[in-house]
Amino acid sequence: MKLEELPQERSALNGYTRELCYGKDEEGKFRPGLSSGWEVKAAALDLAWDDVNERIEEAAELVKRGKKSPLYYLMIKNLMDSSILSSYTGLWRIRLKRHFKPSVYKRLSDKVLARYAEAFNISVEEIRGMEL
């Protein structure tokens, strides 16, 4: 493929990142070039983001129904799982899972919430005041 023919289809990551690809220049030598993606990749990314958005909506619904704490929603919204959140906060995963229970969450100290706030890049007040 020629460098000027590298696909430049719009996708969910347009404006955020591009992919390094190789194509032939006018002399027939392979050279690096940047591609923003192609149709198949864009469709796959759109499906993946639809799945992510669905998981975020499900998490918000669980919080509204009182099944999970806002910490669970924030974890899902920030594209984390309990392992990642554990490494960011320094809290054990078993402890995190307890904090996802609304009854336990309500009793958390500001000191513990500050660890979550730092991981989610928000303030303790924003966590305390969350209503979905």
N, C-alpha and C. Protein backbone atom coordinates (compact mmCIF):
# COMPACT_ATOMS: atom_id res chain seq x y z
N MET A 1 0.84 -1.16 0.00
CA MET A 1 0.00 0.00 0.00
C MET A 1 0.90 1.24 0.00
N LYS A 2 0.48 2.22 -0.73
CA LYS A 2 1.24 3.47 -0.79
C LYS A 2 0.94 4.32 0.45
N LEU A 3 1.92 5.13 0.83
CA LEU A 3 1.77 5.97 2.02
C LEU A 3 0.53 6.85 1.95
N GLU A 4 0.27 7.42 0.80
CA GLU A 4 -0.89 8.32 0.67
C GLU A 4 -2.22 7.57 0.67
N GLU A 5 -2.17 6.22 0.60
CA GLU A 5 -3.40 5.42 0.62
C GLU A 5 -3.71 4.84 2.00
N LEU A 6 -2.89 5.19 3.00
CA LEU A 6 -3.17 4.69 4.35
C LEU A 6 -4.57 5.13 4.76
N PRO A 7 -5.38 4.22 5.32
CA PRO A 7 -6.77 4.57 5.66
C PRO A 7 -6.85 5.65 6.73
N GLN A 8 -7.81 6.54 6.54
CA GLN A 8 -8.01 7.65 7.47
C GLN A 8 -9.48 7.78 7.84
N GLU A 9 -10.12 6.66 8.18
CA GLU A 9 -11.53 6.65 8.56
C GLU A 9 -11.71 7.24 9.96
N ARG A 10 -12.81 7.91 10.18
CA ARG A 10 -13.11 8.47 11.50
C ARG A 10 -13.56 7.35 12.44
N SER A 11 -13.14 7.44 13.72
CA SER A 11 -13.55 6.46 14.71
C SER A 11 -13.70 7.15 16.06
N ALA A 12 -14.03 6.36 17.08
CA ALA A 12 -14.21 6.91 18.43
C ALA A 12 -12.91 7.50 18.97
N LEU A 13 -11.79 7.06 18.47
CA LEU A 13 -10.49 7.56 18.93
C LEU A 13 -9.94 8.68 18.06
N ASN A 14 -10.72 9.14 17.11
CA ASN A 14 -10.27 10.21 16.23
C ASN A 14 -9.94 11.45 17.05
N GLY A 15 -8.80 12.01 16.82
CA GLY A 15 -8.37 13.17 17.57
C GLY A 15 -7.59 12.82 18.83
N TYR A 16 -7.61 11.54 19.23
CA TYR A 16 -6.89 11.11 20.43
C TYR A 16 -5.61 10.35 20.08
N THR A 17 -5.70 9.50 19.09
CA THR A 17 -4.56 8.66 18.77
C THR A 17 -4.59 8.27 17.30
N ARG A 18 -3.45 7.90 16.80
CA ARG A 18 -3.35 7.36 15.45
C ARG A 18 -2.44 6.14 15.52
N GLU A 19 -2.52 5.33 14.50
CA GLU A 19 -1.77 4.08 14.48
C GLU A 19 -0.62 4.17 13.49
N LEU A 20 0.50 3.63 13.90
CA LEU A 20 1.66 3.60 13.02
C LEU A 20 1.50 2.45 12.03
N CYS A 21 1.57 2.76 10.76
CA CYS A 21 1.50 1.78 9.69
C CYS A 21 2.66 2.03 8.73
N TYR A 22 2.88 1.10 7.86
CA TYR A 22 3.95 1.27 6.88
C TYR A 22 3.38 1.19 5.48
N GLY A 23 3.89 2.02 4.62
CA GLY A 23 3.49 2.03 3.23
C GLY A 23 4.69 2.39 2.37
N LYS A 24 4.53 2.20 1.09
CA LYS A 24 5.64 2.48 0.17
C LYS A 24 5.59 3.94 -0.27
N ASP A 25 6.78 4.54 -0.29
CA ASP A 25 6.88 5.90 -0.79
C ASP A 25 7.01 5.87 -2.31
N GLU A 26 7.24 7.03 -2.92
CA GLU A 26 7.33 7.12 -4.38
C GLU A 26 8.52 6.38 -4.96
N GLU A 27 9.50 6.06 -4.10
CA GLU A 27 10.67 5.30 -4.56
C GLU A 27 10.49 3.79 -4.34
N GLY A 28 9.35 3.40 -3.77
CA GLY A 28 9.10 1.99 -3.52
C GLY A 28 9.67 1.46 -2.21
N LYS A 29 10.17 2.36 -1.38
CA LYS A 29 10.73 1.95 -0.09
C LYS A 29 9.65 2.07 0.99
N PHE A 30 9.65 1.11 1.93
CA PHE A 30 8.70 1.17 3.02
C PHE A 30 9.07 2.27 4.01
N ARG A 31 8.08 3.08 4.34
CA ARG A 31 8.25 4.20 5.26
C ARG A 31 7.09 4.19 6.26
N PRO A 32 7.34 4.70 7.46
CA PRO A 32 6.25 4.77 8.44
C PRO A 32 5.27 5.89 8.09
N GLY A 33 4.02 5.68 8.43
CA GLY A 33 2.98 6.68 8.24
C GLY A 33 1.92 6.50 9.31
N LEU A 34 1.13 7.52 9.55
CA LEU A 34 0.10 7.45 10.57
C LEU A 34 -1.28 7.28 9.95
N SER A 35 -2.06 6.39 10.53
CA SER A 35 -3.41 6.13 10.07
C SER A 35 -4.37 6.36 11.22
N SER A 36 -5.49 7.00 10.95
CA SER A 36 -6.50 7.18 11.99
C SER A 36 -7.44 5.98 12.05
N GLY A 37 -7.27 5.01 11.19
CA GLY A 37 -8.06 3.78 11.24
C GLY A 37 -8.77 3.50 9.94
N TRP A 38 -9.46 2.40 9.93
CA TRP A 38 -10.23 2.01 8.75
C TRP A 38 -11.59 1.57 9.20
N GLU A 39 -12.49 1.38 8.27
CA GLU A 39 -13.91 1.15 8.55
C GLU A 39 -14.14 0.00 9.51
N VAL A 40 -13.49 -1.12 9.31
CA VAL A 40 -13.70 -2.29 10.16
C VAL A 40 -13.25 -2.00 11.60
N LYS A 41 -12.11 -1.34 11.72
CA LYS A 41 -11.61 -0.99 13.05
C LYS A 41 -12.55 0.00 13.72
N ALA A 42 -13.05 0.97 12.99
CA ALA A 42 -13.98 1.95 13.54
C ALA A 42 -15.26 1.27 14.03
N ALA A 43 -15.77 0.31 13.26
CA ALA A 43 -16.97 -0.42 13.66
C ALA A 43 -16.72 -1.22 14.94
N ALA A 44 -15.56 -1.87 15.02
CA ALA A 44 -15.22 -2.64 16.21
C ALA A 44 -15.10 -1.73 17.44
N LEU A 45 -14.47 -0.56 17.27
CA LEU A 45 -14.35 0.38 18.37
C LEU A 45 -15.71 0.90 18.82
N ASP A 46 -16.58 1.17 17.87
CA ASP A 46 -17.93 1.63 18.22
C ASP A 46 -18.67 0.58 19.03
N LEU A 47 -18.55 -0.68 18.64
CA LEU A 47 -19.19 -1.76 19.41
C LEU A 47 -18.61 -1.87 20.81
N ALA A 48 -17.31 -1.73 20.91
CA ALA A 48 -16.67 -1.81 22.23
C ALA A 48 -17.14 -0.66 23.12
N TRP A 49 -17.23 0.56 22.57
CA TRP A 49 -17.70 1.69 23.37
C TRP A 49 -19.17 1.55 23.73
N ASP A 50 -19.96 0.94 22.86
CA ASP A 50 -21.37 0.67 23.20
C ASP A 50 -21.44 -0.25 24.41
N ASP A 51 -20.57 -1.27 24.45
CA ASP A 51 -20.53 -2.19 25.58
C ASP A 51 -20.11 -1.46 26.86
N VAL A 52 -19.12 -0.60 26.76
CA VAL A 52 -18.65 0.17 27.92
C VAL A 52 -19.78 1.06 28.44
N ASN A 53 -20.47 1.75 27.56
CA ASN A 53 -21.57 2.63 27.97
C ASN A 53 -22.71 1.85 28.61
N GLU A 54 -22.96 0.64 28.11
CA GLU A 54 -23.99 -0.21 28.70
C GLU A 54 -23.61 -0.62 30.13
N ARG A 55 -22.34 -0.96 30.33
CA ARG A 55 -21.87 -1.32 31.67
C ARG A 55 -21.97 -0.13 32.63
N ILE A 56 -21.69 1.06 32.14
CA ILE A 56 -21.80 2.26 32.98
C ILE A 56 -23.26 2.50 33.37
N GLU A 57 -24.17 2.34 32.43
CA GLU A 57 -25.60 2.51 32.72
C GLU A 57 -26.07 1.47 33.73
N GLU A 58 -25.62 0.22 33.59
CA GLU A 58 -25.99 -0.84 34.53
C GLU A 58 -25.47 -0.52 35.93
N ALA A 59 -24.24 -0.02 36.01
CA ALA A 59 -23.66 0.35 37.31
C ALA A 59 -24.46 1.49 37.95
N ALA A 60 -24.85 2.47 37.15
CA ALA A 60 -25.64 3.59 37.67
C ALA A 60 -26.98 3.09 38.19
N GLU A 61 -27.58 2.17 37.49
CA GLU A 61 -28.86 1.60 37.91
C GLU A 61 -28.72 0.83 39.22
N LEU A 62 -27.63 0.08 39.38
CA LEU A 62 -27.39 -0.65 40.63
C LEU A 62 -27.23 0.31 41.81
N VAL A 63 -26.59 1.45 41.57
CA VAL A 63 -26.43 2.46 42.62
C VAL A 63 -27.79 3.08 42.96
N LYS A 64 -28.58 3.39 41.94
CA LYS A 64 -29.91 3.99 42.17
C LYS A 64 -30.80 3.06 42.97
N ARG A 65 -30.70 1.76 42.72
CA ARG A 65 -31.54 0.78 43.42
C ARG A 65 -30.99 0.41 44.80
N GLY A 66 -29.84 0.97 45.16
CA GLY A 66 -29.27 0.70 46.47
C GLY A 66 -28.54 -0.64 46.58
N LYS A 67 -28.17 -1.20 45.44
CA LYS A 67 -27.46 -2.48 45.43
C LYS A 67 -25.95 -2.30 45.51
N LYS A 68 -25.45 -1.16 45.02
CA LYS A 68 -24.01 -0.88 45.01
C LYS A 68 -23.79 0.56 45.45
N SER A 69 -22.58 0.82 45.91
CA SER A 69 -22.23 2.19 46.32
C SER A 69 -21.73 2.99 45.12
N PRO A 70 -21.67 4.31 45.26
CA PRO A 70 -21.14 5.13 44.17
C PRO A 70 -19.70 4.78 43.78
N LEU A 71 -18.95 4.18 44.69
CA LEU A 71 -17.58 3.77 44.36
C LEU A 71 -17.57 2.75 43.24
N TYR A 72 -18.55 1.85 43.23
CA TYR A 72 -18.66 0.85 42.16
C TYR A 72 -18.90 1.55 40.82
N TYR A 73 -19.82 2.49 40.81
CA TYR A 73 -20.11 3.25 39.59
C TYR A 73 -18.87 3.98 39.09
N LEU A 74 -18.16 4.64 40.00
CA LEU A 74 -16.96 5.38 39.60
C LEU A 74 -15.89 4.46 39.04
N MET A 75 -15.78 3.27 39.61
CA MET A 75 -14.80 2.32 39.10
C MET A 75 -15.13 1.93 37.65
N ILE A 76 -16.39 1.60 37.42
CA ILE A 76 -16.82 1.21 36.07
C ILE A 76 -16.68 2.39 35.11
N LYS A 77 -17.11 3.56 35.54
CA LYS A 77 -17.07 4.75 34.69
C LYS A 77 -15.63 5.11 34.30
N ASN A 78 -14.67 4.83 35.18
CA ASN A 78 -13.26 5.13 34.90
C ASN A 78 -12.54 3.96 34.25
N LEU A 79 -13.31 3.02 33.71
CA LEU A 79 -12.77 1.88 32.97
C LEU A 79 -11.78 1.06 33.80
N MET A 80 -12.13 0.85 35.06
CA MET A 80 -11.28 0.07 35.96
C MET A 80 -11.99 -1.22 36.36
N ASP A 81 -11.22 -2.14 36.90
CA ASP A 81 -11.78 -3.28 37.60
C ASP A 81 -11.21 -3.25 39.01
N SER A 82 -11.59 -4.22 39.84
CA SER A 82 -11.16 -4.15 41.24
C SER A 82 -9.64 -4.29 41.38
N SER A 83 -8.99 -5.01 40.48
CA SER A 83 -7.54 -5.14 40.55
C SER A 83 -6.85 -3.80 40.29
N ILE A 84 -7.30 -3.10 39.29
CA ILE A 84 -6.72 -1.79 38.96
C ILE A 84 -6.99 -0.79 40.08
N LEU A 85 -8.24 -0.76 40.55
CA LEU A 85 -8.58 0.17 41.63
C LEU A 85 -7.79 -0.15 42.89
N SER A 86 -7.59 -1.41 43.16
CA SER A 86 -6.80 -1.83 44.32
C SER A 86 -5.36 -1.30 44.21
N SER A 87 -4.79 -1.42 43.04
CA SER A 87 -3.41 -0.94 42.87
C SER A 87 -3.33 0.58 42.97
N TYR A 88 -4.35 1.31 42.52
CA TYR A 88 -4.34 2.77 42.61
C TYR A 88 -4.54 3.26 44.04
N THR A 89 -5.36 2.55 44.82
CA THR A 89 -5.70 3.00 46.17
C THR A 89 -4.81 2.39 47.24
N GLY A 90 -4.20 1.25 46.94
CA GLY A 90 -3.42 0.54 47.94
C GLY A 90 -4.28 -0.26 48.89
N LEU A 91 -5.57 -0.39 48.57
CA LEU A 91 -6.49 -1.17 49.39
C LEU A 91 -6.63 -2.57 48.82
N TRP A 92 -6.81 -3.54 49.69
CA TRP A 92 -6.99 -4.91 49.21
C TRP A 92 -8.32 -5.03 48.47
N ARG A 93 -8.34 -5.94 47.50
CA ARG A 93 -9.56 -6.12 46.69
C ARG A 93 -10.75 -6.53 47.54
N ILE A 94 -10.53 -7.37 48.52
CA ILE A 94 -11.65 -7.80 49.38
C ILE A 94 -12.24 -6.61 50.13
N ARG A 95 -11.38 -5.68 50.48
CA ARG A 95 -11.85 -4.47 51.17
C ARG A 95 -12.64 -3.58 50.20
N LEU A 96 -12.14 -3.48 48.97
CA LEU A 96 -12.87 -2.70 47.96
C LEU A 96 -14.28 -3.24 47.77
N LYS A 97 -14.37 -4.55 47.67
CA LYS A 97 -15.67 -5.17 47.42
C LYS A 97 -16.64 -4.90 48.56
N ARG A 98 -16.12 -4.82 49.77
CA ARG A 98 -16.97 -4.46 50.91
C ARG A 98 -17.44 -3.01 50.77
N HIS A 99 -16.56 -2.16 50.27
CA HIS A 99 -16.90 -0.74 50.12
C HIS A 99 -17.95 -0.53 49.02
N PHE A 100 -18.16 -1.51 48.18
CA PHE A 100 -19.19 -1.42 47.16
C PHE A 100 -20.59 -1.65 47.74
N LYS A 101 -20.66 -2.12 49.00
CA LYS A 101 -21.94 -2.30 49.68
C LYS A 101 -22.36 -0.95 50.25
N PRO A 102 -23.57 -0.49 49.94
CA PRO A 102 -24.00 0.83 50.41
C PRO A 102 -23.91 1.00 51.93
N SER A 103 -24.23 -0.04 52.70
CA SER A 103 -24.19 0.07 54.17
C SER A 103 -22.76 0.29 54.67
N VAL A 104 -21.78 -0.33 54.04
CA VAL A 104 -20.38 -0.15 54.44
C VAL A 104 -19.87 1.20 53.93
N TYR A 105 -20.25 1.55 52.71
CA TYR A 105 -19.82 2.81 52.10
C TYR A 105 -20.20 4.01 52.96
N LYS A 106 -21.40 4.00 53.52
CA LYS A 106 -21.88 5.14 54.31
C LYS A 106 -21.02 5.40 55.54
N ARG A 107 -20.32 4.38 56.02
CA ARG A 107 -19.51 4.51 57.23
C ARG A 107 -18.04 4.80 56.93
N LEU A 108 -17.67 4.95 55.66
CA LEU A 108 -16.26 5.17 55.32
C LEU A 108 -15.79 6.54 55.78
N SER A 109 -14.57 6.57 56.26
CA SER A 109 -13.98 7.83 56.72
C SER A 109 -13.52 8.67 55.52
N ASP A 110 -13.31 9.93 55.77
CA ASP A 110 -12.79 10.82 54.73
C ASP A 110 -11.39 10.39 54.30
N LYS A 111 -10.64 9.81 55.22
CA LYS A 111 -9.28 9.35 54.91
C LYS A 111 -9.32 8.24 53.85
N VAL A 112 -10.23 7.29 54.02
CA VAL A 112 -10.36 6.21 53.04
C VAL A 112 -10.91 6.77 51.73
N LEU A 113 -11.92 7.63 51.83
CA LEU A 113 -12.49 8.22 50.60
C LEU A 113 -11.47 9.06 49.86
N ALA A 114 -10.51 9.64 50.57
CA ALA A 114 -9.47 10.44 49.92
C ALA A 114 -8.62 9.56 49.00
N ARG A 115 -8.43 8.30 49.37
CA ARG A 115 -7.68 7.38 48.50
C ARG A 115 -8.46 7.12 47.21
N TYR A 116 -9.76 6.95 47.35
CA TYR A 116 -10.60 6.76 46.16
C TYR A 116 -10.64 8.05 45.33
N ALA A 117 -10.78 9.17 46.00
CA ALA A 117 -10.86 10.46 45.29
C ALA A 117 -9.61 10.68 44.45
N GLU A 118 -8.46 10.34 44.99
CA GLU A 118 -7.22 10.50 44.23
C GLU A 118 -7.20 9.56 43.02
N ALA A 119 -7.67 8.34 43.21
CA ALA A 119 -7.69 7.37 42.10
C ALA A 119 -8.65 7.81 40.99
N PHE A 120 -9.77 8.41 41.38
CA PHE A 120 -10.77 8.84 40.40
C PHE A 120 -10.57 10.29 39.94
N ASN A 121 -9.57 10.96 40.53
CA ASN A 121 -9.25 12.34 40.18
C ASN A 121 -10.43 13.29 40.42
N ILE A 122 -11.08 13.09 41.58
CA ILE A 122 -12.17 13.97 42.01
C ILE A 122 -11.97 14.25 43.50
N SER A 123 -12.83 15.05 44.08
CA SER A 123 -12.70 15.38 45.51
C SER A 123 -13.55 14.43 46.35
N VAL A 124 -13.24 14.39 47.64
CA VAL A 124 -14.03 13.59 48.58
C VAL A 124 -15.46 14.11 48.61
N GLU A 125 -15.63 15.41 48.55
CA GLU A 125 -16.97 16.01 48.56
C GLU A 125 -17.79 15.55 47.36
N GLU A 126 -17.13 15.43 46.21
CA GLU A 126 -17.84 14.96 45.01
C GLU A 126 -18.29 13.51 45.18
N ILE A 127 -17.46 12.70 45.81
CA ILE A 127 -17.84 11.31 46.05
C ILE A 127 -19.01 11.27 47.03
N ARG A 128 -18.90 11.99 48.13
CA ARG A 128 -19.96 12.00 49.15
C ARG A 128 -21.28 12.53 48.58
N GLY A 129 -21.21 13.50 47.69
CA GLY A 129 -22.41 14.12 47.16
C GLY A 129 -22.99 13.47 45.92
N MET A 130 -22.43 12.33 45.52
CA MET A 130 -22.91 11.69 44.28
C MET A 130 -24.34 11.20 44.41
N GLU A 131 -25.15 11.58 43.46
CA GLU A 131 -26.50 11.05 43.34
C GLU A 131 -26.72 10.71 41.88
N LEU A 132 -27.12 9.50 41.64
CA LEU A 132 -27.32 9.08 40.24
C LEU A 132 -28.79 8.96 39.92
